[in-house]
N, C-alpha and C. Protein backbone atom coordinates (compact mmCIF):
# COMPACT_ATOMS: atom_id res chain seq x y z
N UNK A 1 237.15 -182.69 -77.31
CA UNK A 1 235.97 -182.54 -76.49
C UNK A 1 235.22 -183.88 -76.41
N UNK A 2 234.71 -184.21 -75.23
CA UNK A 2 233.87 -185.40 -75.08
C UNK A 2 232.58 -185.00 -74.37
N UNK A 3 231.58 -185.81 -74.52
CA UNK A 3 230.29 -185.57 -73.89
C UNK A 3 230.43 -185.67 -72.37
N UNK A 4 229.93 -184.67 -71.64
CA UNK A 4 229.92 -184.71 -70.18
C UNK A 4 228.61 -185.31 -69.68
N UNK A 5 227.48 -184.80 -70.17
CA UNK A 5 226.18 -185.33 -69.80
C UNK A 5 225.14 -184.88 -70.80
N UNK A 6 224.00 -185.56 -70.76
CA UNK A 6 222.82 -185.08 -71.46
C UNK A 6 221.67 -185.11 -70.47
N UNK A 7 220.68 -184.26 -70.71
CA UNK A 7 219.58 -184.08 -69.78
C UNK A 7 218.27 -184.44 -70.46
N UNK A 8 217.47 -185.25 -69.77
CA UNK A 8 216.14 -185.61 -70.25
C UNK A 8 215.11 -185.07 -69.27
N UNK A 9 214.23 -184.18 -69.72
CA UNK A 9 213.16 -183.70 -68.85
C UNK A 9 212.07 -184.75 -68.73
N UNK A 10 211.35 -184.72 -67.62
CA UNK A 10 210.25 -185.65 -67.40
C UNK A 10 209.32 -185.09 -66.33
N UNK A 11 208.06 -185.44 -66.43
CA UNK A 11 207.11 -185.10 -65.36
C UNK A 11 207.25 -186.07 -64.20
N UNK A 12 207.80 -187.26 -64.47
CA UNK A 12 207.88 -188.33 -63.47
C UNK A 12 209.32 -188.80 -63.31
N UNK A 13 210.10 -188.04 -62.54
CA UNK A 13 211.53 -188.31 -62.38
C UNK A 13 211.77 -189.71 -61.81
N UNK A 14 211.13 -190.03 -60.69
CA UNK A 14 211.41 -191.31 -60.04
C UNK A 14 210.95 -192.50 -60.88
N UNK A 15 209.82 -192.40 -61.52
CA UNK A 15 209.32 -193.49 -62.37
C UNK A 15 210.27 -193.71 -63.56
N UNK A 16 210.73 -192.62 -64.16
CA UNK A 16 211.68 -192.72 -65.27
C UNK A 16 213.00 -193.31 -64.78
N UNK A 17 213.45 -192.87 -63.62
CA UNK A 17 214.71 -193.36 -63.06
C UNK A 17 214.65 -194.86 -62.78
N UNK A 18 213.54 -195.31 -62.22
CA UNK A 18 213.41 -196.75 -61.94
C UNK A 18 213.44 -197.57 -63.23
N UNK A 19 212.83 -197.05 -64.30
CA UNK A 19 212.87 -197.74 -65.59
C UNK A 19 214.33 -197.85 -66.08
N UNK A 20 215.07 -196.75 -66.01
CA UNK A 20 216.47 -196.74 -66.45
C UNK A 20 217.30 -197.73 -65.64
N UNK A 21 217.14 -197.70 -64.33
CA UNK A 21 217.88 -198.62 -63.47
C UNK A 21 217.57 -200.07 -63.77
N UNK A 22 216.27 -200.38 -63.86
CA UNK A 22 215.82 -201.77 -64.04
C UNK A 22 216.21 -202.35 -65.38
N UNK A 23 216.23 -201.52 -66.42
CA UNK A 23 216.48 -202.04 -67.76
C UNK A 23 217.92 -201.86 -68.21
N UNK A 24 218.42 -200.64 -68.12
CA UNK A 24 219.76 -200.35 -68.62
C UNK A 24 220.84 -200.57 -67.57
N UNK A 25 220.45 -200.56 -66.30
CA UNK A 25 221.38 -200.90 -65.22
C UNK A 25 222.37 -199.82 -64.83
N UNK A 26 222.14 -198.58 -65.22
CA UNK A 26 223.07 -197.52 -64.84
C UNK A 26 222.90 -197.18 -63.37
N UNK A 27 224.01 -196.98 -62.65
CA UNK A 27 223.90 -196.61 -61.24
C UNK A 27 223.63 -195.11 -61.06
N UNK A 28 222.89 -194.80 -60.02
CA UNK A 28 222.62 -193.40 -59.69
C UNK A 28 223.88 -192.76 -59.12
N UNK A 29 223.96 -191.45 -59.33
CA UNK A 29 225.04 -190.64 -58.75
C UNK A 29 224.44 -189.70 -57.71
N UNK A 30 225.27 -189.21 -56.84
CA UNK A 30 224.83 -188.19 -55.91
C UNK A 30 224.46 -186.93 -56.69
N UNK A 31 223.39 -186.29 -56.29
CA UNK A 31 222.94 -185.08 -56.98
C UNK A 31 223.11 -183.87 -56.06
N UNK A 32 223.20 -182.69 -56.65
CA UNK A 32 223.39 -181.50 -55.82
C UNK A 32 222.16 -181.22 -54.96
N UNK A 33 222.41 -180.86 -53.72
CA UNK A 33 221.32 -180.59 -52.79
C UNK A 33 220.59 -179.29 -53.12
N UNK A 34 221.19 -178.43 -53.93
CA UNK A 34 220.59 -177.13 -54.20
C UNK A 34 219.80 -177.08 -55.50
N UNK A 35 219.43 -178.21 -56.06
CA UNK A 35 218.63 -178.20 -57.29
C UNK A 35 217.22 -177.71 -56.97
N UNK A 36 216.69 -176.78 -57.77
CA UNK A 36 215.34 -176.27 -57.50
C UNK A 36 214.24 -177.23 -57.96
N UNK A 37 214.59 -178.33 -58.63
CA UNK A 37 213.62 -179.32 -59.08
C UNK A 37 214.14 -180.71 -58.73
N UNK A 38 213.25 -181.71 -58.76
CA UNK A 38 213.67 -183.10 -58.54
C UNK A 38 214.60 -183.52 -59.67
N UNK A 39 215.70 -184.17 -59.32
CA UNK A 39 216.66 -184.65 -60.31
C UNK A 39 217.18 -186.02 -59.90
N UNK A 40 217.56 -186.79 -60.90
CA UNK A 40 218.31 -188.03 -60.70
C UNK A 40 219.41 -188.03 -61.74
N UNK A 41 220.62 -188.31 -61.30
CA UNK A 41 221.76 -188.41 -62.22
C UNK A 41 222.21 -189.86 -62.28
N UNK A 42 222.60 -190.29 -63.47
CA UNK A 42 223.13 -191.64 -63.68
C UNK A 42 224.55 -191.56 -64.20
N UNK A 43 225.38 -192.49 -63.74
CA UNK A 43 226.75 -192.62 -64.22
C UNK A 43 226.76 -193.59 -65.39
N UNK A 44 227.06 -193.08 -66.60
CA UNK A 44 227.11 -193.93 -67.79
C UNK A 44 228.50 -194.51 -68.02
N UNK A 45 229.46 -194.11 -67.20
CA UNK A 45 230.84 -194.56 -67.34
C UNK A 45 231.66 -193.57 -68.14
N UNK A 46 232.96 -193.67 -68.00
CA UNK A 46 233.90 -192.83 -68.75
C UNK A 46 233.66 -191.34 -68.54
N UNK A 47 233.18 -190.96 -67.34
CA UNK A 47 232.95 -189.56 -67.03
C UNK A 47 231.71 -188.97 -67.66
N UNK A 48 230.81 -189.82 -68.17
CA UNK A 48 229.61 -189.34 -68.83
C UNK A 48 228.38 -189.67 -67.99
N UNK A 49 227.42 -188.73 -67.97
CA UNK A 49 226.22 -188.87 -67.15
C UNK A 49 224.96 -188.69 -67.98
N UNK A 50 223.87 -189.21 -67.43
CA UNK A 50 222.52 -188.91 -67.91
C UNK A 50 221.80 -188.23 -66.74
N UNK A 51 221.22 -187.08 -67.00
CA UNK A 51 220.49 -186.35 -65.97
C UNK A 51 219.00 -186.36 -66.30
N UNK A 52 218.20 -186.74 -65.33
CA UNK A 52 216.74 -186.63 -65.44
C UNK A 52 216.33 -185.46 -64.56
N UNK A 53 215.44 -184.61 -65.04
CA UNK A 53 214.97 -183.51 -64.22
C UNK A 53 213.49 -183.26 -64.44
N UNK A 54 212.84 -182.83 -63.36
CA UNK A 54 211.40 -182.60 -63.40
C UNK A 54 211.08 -181.32 -64.15
N UNK A 55 210.14 -181.43 -65.10
CA UNK A 55 209.60 -180.28 -65.82
C UNK A 55 208.09 -180.46 -65.85
N UNK A 56 207.38 -179.52 -65.23
CA UNK A 56 205.91 -179.57 -65.24
C UNK A 56 205.40 -179.58 -66.67
N UNK A 57 204.39 -180.37 -66.92
CA UNK A 57 203.69 -180.43 -68.20
C UNK A 57 204.60 -180.81 -69.37
N UNK A 58 205.73 -181.48 -69.09
CA UNK A 58 206.63 -181.87 -70.18
C UNK A 58 205.93 -182.87 -71.10
N UNK A 59 206.13 -182.72 -72.39
CA UNK A 59 205.66 -183.66 -73.40
C UNK A 59 206.82 -183.97 -74.32
N UNK A 60 207.05 -185.24 -74.60
CA UNK A 60 208.11 -185.63 -75.54
C UNK A 60 207.76 -185.12 -76.93
N UNK A 61 208.76 -184.91 -77.73
CA UNK A 61 208.59 -184.42 -79.09
C UNK A 61 207.85 -185.44 -79.95
N UNK A 62 207.09 -184.95 -80.90
CA UNK A 62 206.45 -185.83 -81.88
C UNK A 62 207.49 -186.40 -82.84
N UNK A 63 208.71 -185.92 -82.75
CA UNK A 63 209.78 -186.32 -83.66
C UNK A 63 210.78 -187.28 -83.02
N UNK A 64 210.36 -187.99 -81.98
CA UNK A 64 211.21 -189.02 -81.38
C UNK A 64 211.26 -190.19 -82.35
N UNK A 65 212.44 -190.61 -82.75
CA UNK A 65 212.54 -191.74 -83.67
C UNK A 65 213.92 -191.87 -84.26
N UNK A 66 214.09 -192.87 -85.09
CA UNK A 66 215.40 -193.12 -85.72
C UNK A 66 215.87 -191.90 -86.52
N UNK A 67 214.97 -191.27 -87.25
CA UNK A 67 215.32 -190.09 -88.03
C UNK A 67 214.72 -188.85 -87.39
N UNK A 68 214.81 -188.79 -86.11
CA UNK A 68 214.39 -187.67 -85.29
C UNK A 68 215.26 -187.70 -84.05
N UNK A 69 214.77 -187.15 -82.96
CA UNK A 69 215.56 -187.16 -81.73
C UNK A 69 215.54 -188.55 -81.11
N UNK A 70 216.71 -189.03 -80.73
CA UNK A 70 216.82 -190.26 -79.96
C UNK A 70 218.16 -190.26 -79.23
N UNK A 71 218.27 -191.13 -78.25
CA UNK A 71 219.49 -191.30 -77.48
C UNK A 71 220.12 -192.62 -77.92
N UNK A 72 221.37 -192.57 -78.36
CA UNK A 72 222.07 -193.78 -78.81
C UNK A 72 223.08 -194.20 -77.75
N UNK A 73 223.00 -195.47 -77.36
CA UNK A 73 223.87 -196.03 -76.34
C UNK A 73 224.50 -197.32 -76.86
N UNK A 74 225.74 -197.56 -76.49
CA UNK A 74 226.40 -198.82 -76.84
C UNK A 74 226.15 -199.84 -75.72
N UNK A 75 225.95 -201.10 -76.13
CA UNK A 75 225.64 -202.16 -75.18
C UNK A 75 226.23 -203.46 -75.73
N UNK A 76 226.74 -204.34 -74.86
CA UNK A 76 227.30 -205.61 -75.35
C UNK A 76 226.27 -206.43 -76.13
N UNK A 77 226.64 -206.84 -77.33
CA UNK A 77 225.73 -207.60 -78.19
C UNK A 77 225.27 -208.89 -77.53
N UNK A 78 226.12 -209.49 -76.71
CA UNK A 78 225.75 -210.76 -76.09
C UNK A 78 224.60 -210.60 -75.08
N UNK A 79 224.27 -209.37 -74.69
CA UNK A 79 223.15 -209.14 -73.78
C UNK A 79 221.95 -208.51 -74.49
N UNK A 80 221.97 -208.44 -75.83
CA UNK A 80 220.82 -207.86 -76.55
C UNK A 80 219.52 -208.58 -76.20
N UNK A 81 219.54 -209.90 -76.20
CA UNK A 81 218.31 -210.66 -75.90
C UNK A 81 217.85 -210.39 -74.47
N UNK A 82 218.78 -210.38 -73.54
CA UNK A 82 218.43 -210.09 -72.14
C UNK A 82 217.90 -208.68 -71.97
N UNK A 83 218.55 -207.72 -72.62
CA UNK A 83 218.10 -206.33 -72.53
C UNK A 83 216.71 -206.18 -73.14
N UNK A 84 216.49 -206.79 -74.29
CA UNK A 84 215.16 -206.71 -74.92
C UNK A 84 214.09 -207.28 -73.99
N UNK A 85 214.39 -208.39 -73.33
CA UNK A 85 213.42 -208.99 -72.40
C UNK A 85 213.14 -208.06 -71.23
N UNK A 86 214.19 -207.44 -70.66
CA UNK A 86 214.00 -206.50 -69.55
C UNK A 86 213.17 -205.30 -69.99
N UNK A 87 213.44 -204.81 -71.20
CA UNK A 87 212.71 -203.65 -71.71
C UNK A 87 211.22 -203.95 -71.89
N UNK A 88 210.93 -205.07 -72.54
CA UNK A 88 209.53 -205.44 -72.77
C UNK A 88 208.82 -205.67 -71.44
N UNK A 89 209.48 -206.35 -70.52
CA UNK A 89 208.90 -206.60 -69.20
C UNK A 89 208.58 -205.29 -68.47
N UNK A 90 209.40 -204.26 -68.71
CA UNK A 90 209.21 -202.97 -68.05
C UNK A 90 208.27 -202.04 -68.82
N UNK A 91 207.70 -202.52 -69.93
CA UNK A 91 206.71 -201.74 -70.66
C UNK A 91 207.20 -200.99 -71.88
N UNK A 92 208.47 -201.17 -72.25
CA UNK A 92 208.99 -200.50 -73.45
C UNK A 92 208.46 -201.17 -74.71
N UNK A 93 208.47 -200.43 -75.79
CA UNK A 93 208.09 -200.94 -77.10
C UNK A 93 209.34 -201.06 -77.96
N UNK A 94 209.63 -202.26 -78.45
CA UNK A 94 210.78 -202.45 -79.34
C UNK A 94 210.41 -201.94 -80.73
N UNK A 95 211.37 -201.31 -81.39
CA UNK A 95 211.15 -200.72 -82.70
C UNK A 95 212.26 -201.18 -83.64
N UNK A 96 211.89 -201.75 -84.78
CA UNK A 96 212.88 -202.20 -85.76
C UNK A 96 213.53 -200.99 -86.43
N UNK A 97 214.83 -201.07 -86.73
CA UNK A 97 215.49 -199.99 -87.46
C UNK A 97 214.89 -199.84 -88.86
N UNK A 98 214.93 -198.62 -89.37
CA UNK A 98 214.42 -198.33 -90.71
C UNK A 98 215.47 -198.55 -91.80
N UNK A 99 216.74 -198.61 -91.41
CA UNK A 99 217.80 -198.84 -92.40
C UNK A 99 218.77 -199.89 -91.87
N UNK A 100 219.31 -200.70 -92.77
CA UNK A 100 220.29 -201.71 -92.34
C UNK A 100 221.63 -201.08 -92.01
N UNK A 101 222.37 -201.73 -91.13
CA UNK A 101 223.72 -201.29 -90.77
C UNK A 101 224.62 -202.52 -90.69
N UNK A 102 225.94 -202.33 -90.79
CA UNK A 102 226.85 -203.48 -90.70
C UNK A 102 227.07 -203.96 -89.26
N UNK A 103 226.38 -203.36 -88.31
CA UNK A 103 226.50 -203.73 -86.91
C UNK A 103 225.09 -203.95 -86.35
N UNK A 104 225.02 -204.70 -85.27
CA UNK A 104 223.72 -204.99 -84.65
C UNK A 104 223.22 -203.77 -83.88
N UNK A 105 221.92 -203.55 -83.96
CA UNK A 105 221.30 -202.45 -83.21
C UNK A 105 219.79 -202.65 -83.19
N UNK A 106 219.15 -201.97 -82.26
CA UNK A 106 217.69 -201.92 -82.22
C UNK A 106 217.29 -200.65 -81.50
N UNK A 107 216.01 -200.32 -81.59
CA UNK A 107 215.46 -199.14 -80.95
C UNK A 107 214.37 -199.57 -79.97
N UNK A 108 214.12 -198.72 -78.99
CA UNK A 108 212.96 -198.92 -78.13
C UNK A 108 212.40 -197.57 -77.72
N UNK A 109 211.11 -197.56 -77.46
CA UNK A 109 210.42 -196.38 -76.93
C UNK A 109 210.15 -196.66 -75.46
N UNK A 110 210.68 -195.80 -74.59
CA UNK A 110 210.47 -196.03 -73.15
C UNK A 110 209.05 -195.62 -72.78
N UNK A 111 208.46 -196.30 -71.79
CA UNK A 111 207.03 -196.16 -71.53
C UNK A 111 206.60 -194.94 -70.72
N UNK A 112 207.51 -194.25 -70.08
CA UNK A 112 207.11 -193.15 -69.20
C UNK A 112 206.91 -191.86 -69.98
N UNK A 113 207.86 -191.53 -70.84
CA UNK A 113 207.85 -190.25 -71.57
C UNK A 113 207.71 -190.40 -73.08
N UNK A 114 208.02 -191.60 -73.59
CA UNK A 114 207.99 -191.80 -75.03
C UNK A 114 209.32 -191.54 -75.70
N UNK A 115 210.39 -191.38 -74.91
CA UNK A 115 211.71 -191.20 -75.51
C UNK A 115 212.09 -192.42 -76.32
N UNK A 116 212.83 -192.21 -77.41
CA UNK A 116 213.35 -193.30 -78.22
C UNK A 116 214.84 -193.43 -77.96
N UNK A 117 215.26 -194.66 -77.70
CA UNK A 117 216.67 -195.00 -77.49
C UNK A 117 217.09 -195.96 -78.58
N UNK A 118 218.32 -195.80 -79.04
CA UNK A 118 218.94 -196.74 -79.96
C UNK A 118 220.00 -197.49 -79.18
N UNK A 119 219.99 -198.80 -79.28
CA UNK A 119 221.00 -199.63 -78.63
C UNK A 119 221.89 -200.19 -79.73
N UNK A 120 223.17 -199.87 -79.65
CA UNK A 120 224.15 -200.23 -80.67
C UNK A 120 225.12 -201.25 -80.09
N UNK A 121 225.46 -202.22 -80.88
CA UNK A 121 226.43 -203.25 -80.50
C UNK A 121 227.75 -202.58 -80.08
N UNK A 122 228.19 -202.86 -78.85
CA UNK A 122 229.49 -202.37 -78.38
C UNK A 122 230.56 -203.31 -78.91
N UNK A 123 231.54 -202.76 -79.56
CA UNK A 123 232.61 -203.58 -80.14
C UNK A 123 233.88 -203.45 -79.35
């Protein structure tokens, strides 16, 4: 079994989508015309997607963090500095890991919903 997609709810679908595009660079996919709410789908590669969908009054969990809910993505280590610059420019907050690892990684909190993402060195 492999991951097909994960879904992130948001009150601001388009604002969240623009942040994802501008910083992480994932391309949008065509979405179904029969969705009862606003949605944006992203192609993460290898048949895996990220889905954003509108949820009225959505609030991110108070447990977003390294030892709570977060989204972990692999990214080329040679672009860590560039990615960090794009994230900060787009309003994200960089967060240092709480535990050391034998591979490079960092966390950030995205500015629209407060989701925490972990960026792991792609090997």
